[in-house]
């Protein structure tokens, strides 16, 4: 197992340990909060990586190919402004 796979395994085990023994309601709430936090962090990190590739001179298509995501998703990521006020 490579280092990345081991790291992922440790994270998954930590999630299991964090919710072990909790009633389903508490477990569901904790996992929902965790999912939102992780999702937000992953989105921010991915956006930063995409912006760095763009700044280095890569085209949207090159970024898409290098990242394993679609051209359209690259456009969305680059156009997204997380500091803008939300419409909610």
N, C-alpha and C. Protein backbone atom coordinates (compact mmCIF):
# COMPACT_ATOMS: atom_id res chain seq x y z
N UNK A 1 0.85 -1.19 0.00
CA UNK A 1 0.00 0.00 0.00
C UNK A 1 0.88 1.23 0.00
N UNK A 2 0.61 2.19 -0.90
CA UNK A 2 1.44 3.39 -0.94
C UNK A 2 1.05 4.36 0.18
N UNK A 3 1.85 5.40 0.37
CA UNK A 3 1.64 6.35 1.46
C UNK A 3 0.28 7.03 1.38
N UNK A 4 -0.15 7.40 0.17
CA UNK A 4 -1.45 8.07 0.01
C UNK A 4 -2.60 7.14 0.40
N UNK A 5 -2.53 5.91 -0.03
CA UNK A 5 -3.57 4.94 0.30
C UNK A 5 -3.61 4.70 1.81
N UNK A 6 -2.46 4.65 2.44
CA UNK A 6 -2.41 4.47 3.89
C UNK A 6 -2.99 5.68 4.60
N UNK A 7 -2.72 6.86 4.07
CA UNK A 7 -3.25 8.08 4.65
C UNK A 7 -4.78 8.09 4.57
N UNK A 8 -5.31 7.71 3.42
CA UNK A 8 -6.76 7.64 3.26
C UNK A 8 -7.34 6.62 4.23
N UNK A 9 -6.70 5.49 4.36
CA UNK A 9 -7.17 4.45 5.29
C UNK A 9 -7.19 4.98 6.72
N UNK A 10 -6.17 5.74 7.12
CA UNK A 10 -6.14 6.31 8.48
C UNK A 10 -7.30 7.28 8.68
N UNK A 11 -7.60 8.08 7.68
CA UNK A 11 -8.72 9.02 7.77
C UNK A 11 -10.04 8.26 7.93
N UNK A 12 -10.23 7.22 7.13
CA UNK A 12 -11.45 6.43 7.23
C UNK A 12 -11.58 5.78 8.60
N UNK A 13 -10.49 5.30 9.14
CA UNK A 13 -10.51 4.70 10.47
C UNK A 13 -10.82 5.75 11.54
N UNK A 14 -10.30 6.98 11.36
CA UNK A 14 -10.59 8.06 12.30
C UNK A 14 -12.07 8.43 12.27
N UNK A 15 -12.67 8.39 11.09
CA UNK A 15 -14.11 8.66 10.98
C UNK A 15 -14.89 7.59 11.74
N UNK A 16 -14.51 6.34 11.55
CA UNK A 16 -15.18 5.26 12.28
C UNK A 16 -15.05 5.45 13.78
N UNK A 17 -13.87 5.79 14.24
CA UNK A 17 -13.62 5.97 15.66
C UNK A 17 -14.39 7.16 16.22
N UNK A 18 -14.54 8.21 15.43
CA UNK A 18 -15.21 9.42 15.89
C UNK A 18 -16.70 9.21 16.12
N UNK A 19 -17.28 8.22 15.47
CA UNK A 19 -18.72 8.00 15.58
C UNK A 19 -19.06 6.69 16.28
N UNK A 20 -18.06 5.96 16.69
CA UNK A 20 -18.28 4.65 17.32
C UNK A 20 -19.09 4.79 18.60
N UNK A 21 -20.12 3.98 18.70
CA UNK A 21 -20.92 3.93 19.91
C UNK A 21 -21.98 5.02 20.03
N UNK A 22 -22.04 5.91 19.10
CA UNK A 22 -23.04 6.97 19.17
C UNK A 22 -24.38 6.45 18.66
N UNK A 23 -25.46 7.00 19.20
CA UNK A 23 -26.77 6.63 18.66
C UNK A 23 -26.89 7.13 17.22
N UNK A 24 -27.76 6.53 16.42
CA UNK A 24 -27.84 6.89 15.01
C UNK A 24 -28.07 8.37 14.75
N UNK A 25 -28.88 9.03 15.60
CA UNK A 25 -29.16 10.45 15.39
C UNK A 25 -27.89 11.29 15.54
N UNK A 26 -27.14 11.02 16.59
CA UNK A 26 -25.90 11.76 16.83
C UNK A 26 -24.87 11.44 15.75
N UNK A 27 -24.80 10.18 15.36
CA UNK A 27 -23.86 9.76 14.32
C UNK A 27 -24.19 10.46 13.01
N UNK A 28 -25.48 10.50 12.65
CA UNK A 28 -25.88 11.15 11.41
C UNK A 28 -25.53 12.63 11.43
N UNK A 29 -25.77 13.29 12.55
CA UNK A 29 -25.46 14.73 12.66
C UNK A 29 -23.95 14.95 12.54
N UNK A 30 -23.16 14.17 13.27
CA UNK A 30 -21.70 14.33 13.23
C UNK A 30 -21.16 14.06 11.83
N UNK A 31 -21.67 13.03 11.17
CA UNK A 31 -21.21 12.70 9.82
C UNK A 31 -21.62 13.77 8.81
N UNK A 32 -22.80 14.36 8.98
CA UNK A 32 -23.23 15.45 8.11
C UNK A 32 -22.31 16.65 8.25
N UNK A 33 -21.97 16.99 9.49
CA UNK A 33 -21.04 18.11 9.73
C UNK A 33 -19.67 17.81 9.15
N UNK A 34 -19.22 16.59 9.33
CA UNK A 34 -17.91 16.19 8.80
C UNK A 34 -17.90 16.24 7.28
N UNK A 35 -18.96 15.74 6.67
CA UNK A 35 -19.05 15.75 5.21
C UNK A 35 -19.00 17.17 4.67
N UNK A 36 -19.71 18.08 5.29
CA UNK A 36 -19.70 19.47 4.83
C UNK A 36 -18.30 20.07 4.98
N UNK A 37 -17.68 19.84 6.12
CA UNK A 37 -16.33 20.39 6.35
C UNK A 37 -15.33 19.85 5.34
N UNK A 38 -15.34 18.55 5.14
CA UNK A 38 -14.40 17.92 4.21
C UNK A 38 -14.68 18.40 2.79
N UNK A 39 -15.95 18.44 2.42
CA UNK A 39 -16.33 18.87 1.08
C UNK A 39 -15.87 20.30 0.82
N UNK A 40 -16.09 21.19 1.77
CA UNK A 40 -15.66 22.58 1.62
C UNK A 40 -14.14 22.67 1.47
N UNK A 41 -13.42 21.93 2.29
CA UNK A 41 -11.95 21.95 2.25
C UNK A 41 -11.45 21.41 0.91
N UNK A 42 -12.01 20.32 0.45
CA UNK A 42 -11.59 19.73 -0.82
C UNK A 42 -11.86 20.70 -1.97
N UNK A 43 -13.03 21.33 -1.96
CA UNK A 43 -13.36 22.30 -3.01
C UNK A 43 -12.36 23.45 -3.03
N UNK A 44 -12.05 24.00 -1.85
CA UNK A 44 -11.09 25.11 -1.78
C UNK A 44 -9.72 24.70 -2.28
N UNK A 45 -9.26 23.52 -1.85
CA UNK A 45 -7.94 23.05 -2.27
C UNK A 45 -7.88 22.78 -3.77
N UNK A 46 -8.95 22.17 -4.30
CA UNK A 46 -8.98 21.90 -5.74
C UNK A 46 -8.98 23.21 -6.52
N UNK A 47 -9.77 24.17 -6.08
CA UNK A 47 -9.81 25.47 -6.77
C UNK A 47 -8.43 26.12 -6.76
N UNK A 48 -7.77 26.07 -5.63
CA UNK A 48 -6.44 26.65 -5.54
C UNK A 48 -5.48 25.98 -6.52
N UNK A 49 -5.52 24.66 -6.61
CA UNK A 49 -4.66 23.93 -7.54
C UNK A 49 -4.97 24.30 -8.99
N UNK A 50 -6.26 24.41 -9.31
CA UNK A 50 -6.67 24.78 -10.68
C UNK A 50 -6.20 26.20 -11.00
N UNK A 51 -6.36 27.11 -10.05
CA UNK A 51 -5.90 28.48 -10.28
C UNK A 51 -4.38 28.56 -10.45
N UNK A 52 -3.66 27.73 -9.72
CA UNK A 52 -2.21 27.69 -9.87
C UNK A 52 -1.83 27.18 -11.27
N UNK A 53 -2.55 26.15 -11.75
CA UNK A 53 -2.26 25.65 -13.09
C UNK A 53 -2.57 26.72 -14.13
N UNK A 54 -3.67 27.45 -13.94
CA UNK A 54 -4.02 28.53 -14.87
C UNK A 54 -2.94 29.62 -14.84
N UNK A 55 -2.49 29.98 -13.66
CA UNK A 55 -1.47 31.02 -13.52
C UNK A 55 -0.14 30.60 -14.17
N UNK A 56 0.10 29.29 -14.23
CA UNK A 56 1.34 28.80 -14.83
C UNK A 56 1.26 28.80 -16.36
N UNK A 57 0.07 29.15 -16.90
CA UNK A 57 -0.08 29.25 -18.34
C UNK A 57 -0.83 28.10 -19.00
N UNK A 58 -1.33 27.17 -18.20
CA UNK A 58 -2.07 26.04 -18.78
C UNK A 58 -3.43 26.52 -19.27
N UNK A 59 -3.88 25.93 -20.37
CA UNK A 59 -5.21 26.22 -20.89
C UNK A 59 -6.25 25.45 -20.08
N UNK A 60 -7.51 25.81 -20.24
CA UNK A 60 -8.58 25.09 -19.56
C UNK A 60 -8.56 23.61 -19.96
N UNK A 61 -8.34 23.35 -21.22
CA UNK A 61 -8.32 21.95 -21.68
C UNK A 61 -7.14 21.19 -21.08
N UNK A 62 -6.00 21.83 -20.97
CA UNK A 62 -4.84 21.19 -20.35
C UNK A 62 -5.10 20.92 -18.87
N UNK A 63 -5.72 21.88 -18.21
CA UNK A 63 -6.05 21.71 -16.80
C UNK A 63 -7.03 20.55 -16.63
N UNK A 64 -8.03 20.50 -17.50
CA UNK A 64 -9.02 19.42 -17.45
C UNK A 64 -8.35 18.06 -17.60
N UNK A 65 -7.49 17.95 -18.59
CA UNK A 65 -6.81 16.67 -18.84
C UNK A 65 -5.91 16.29 -17.66
N UNK A 66 -5.18 17.26 -17.14
CA UNK A 66 -4.26 16.98 -16.03
C UNK A 66 -5.00 16.64 -14.74
N UNK A 67 -6.21 17.19 -14.58
CA UNK A 67 -6.95 17.03 -13.34
C UNK A 67 -7.95 15.88 -13.36
N UNK A 68 -8.24 15.39 -14.56
CA UNK A 68 -9.25 14.34 -14.67
C UNK A 68 -10.66 14.85 -14.51
N UNK A 69 -10.87 16.13 -14.82
CA UNK A 69 -12.21 16.70 -14.76
C UNK A 69 -12.55 17.30 -16.12
N UNK A 70 -13.81 17.63 -16.32
CA UNK A 70 -14.23 18.13 -17.63
C UNK A 70 -13.82 19.59 -17.83
N UNK A 71 -13.76 19.98 -19.09
CA UNK A 71 -13.48 21.36 -19.47
C UNK A 71 -14.50 22.29 -18.82
N UNK A 72 -15.77 21.89 -18.86
CA UNK A 72 -16.82 22.71 -18.26
C UNK A 72 -16.65 22.89 -16.77
N UNK A 73 -16.23 21.83 -16.08
CA UNK A 73 -16.00 21.92 -14.63
C UNK A 73 -14.82 22.86 -14.35
N UNK A 74 -13.79 22.81 -15.18
CA UNK A 74 -12.65 23.74 -15.01
C UNK A 74 -13.16 25.17 -15.10
N UNK A 75 -13.98 25.45 -16.10
CA UNK A 75 -14.54 26.80 -16.26
C UNK A 75 -15.34 27.20 -15.02
N UNK A 76 -16.14 26.29 -14.50
CA UNK A 76 -16.93 26.59 -13.30
C UNK A 76 -16.04 26.87 -12.10
N UNK A 77 -15.01 26.06 -11.93
CA UNK A 77 -14.11 26.23 -10.79
C UNK A 77 -13.41 27.58 -10.86
N UNK A 78 -12.92 27.93 -12.04
CA UNK A 78 -12.21 29.19 -12.20
C UNK A 78 -13.15 30.38 -12.03
N UNK A 79 -14.36 30.25 -12.52
CA UNK A 79 -15.34 31.35 -12.43
C UNK A 79 -15.89 31.51 -11.03
N UNK A 80 -15.86 30.45 -10.23
CA UNK A 80 -16.42 30.49 -8.88
C UNK A 80 -15.67 31.50 -8.03
N UNK A 81 -16.41 32.32 -7.32
CA UNK A 81 -15.77 33.28 -6.41
C UNK A 81 -16.30 33.00 -5.01
N UNK A 82 -15.55 32.24 -4.21
CA UNK A 82 -16.04 31.85 -2.89
C UNK A 82 -16.20 33.03 -1.94
N UNK A 83 -15.61 34.18 -2.25
CA UNK A 83 -15.72 35.35 -1.38
C UNK A 83 -16.92 36.22 -1.71
N UNK A 84 -17.61 35.91 -2.81
CA UNK A 84 -18.78 36.68 -3.19
C UNK A 84 -19.93 36.38 -2.24
N UNK A 85 -20.78 37.35 -1.98
CA UNK A 85 -21.94 37.07 -1.12
C UNK A 85 -22.84 36.03 -1.76
N UNK A 86 -23.38 35.14 -0.94
CA UNK A 86 -24.23 34.09 -1.49
C UNK A 86 -25.62 34.64 -1.76
N UNK A 87 -26.35 33.96 -2.64
CA UNK A 87 -27.68 34.41 -3.03
C UNK A 87 -28.75 33.92 -2.05
N UNK A 88 -28.34 33.25 -0.99
CA UNK A 88 -29.32 32.71 -0.04
C UNK A 88 -29.90 33.77 0.83
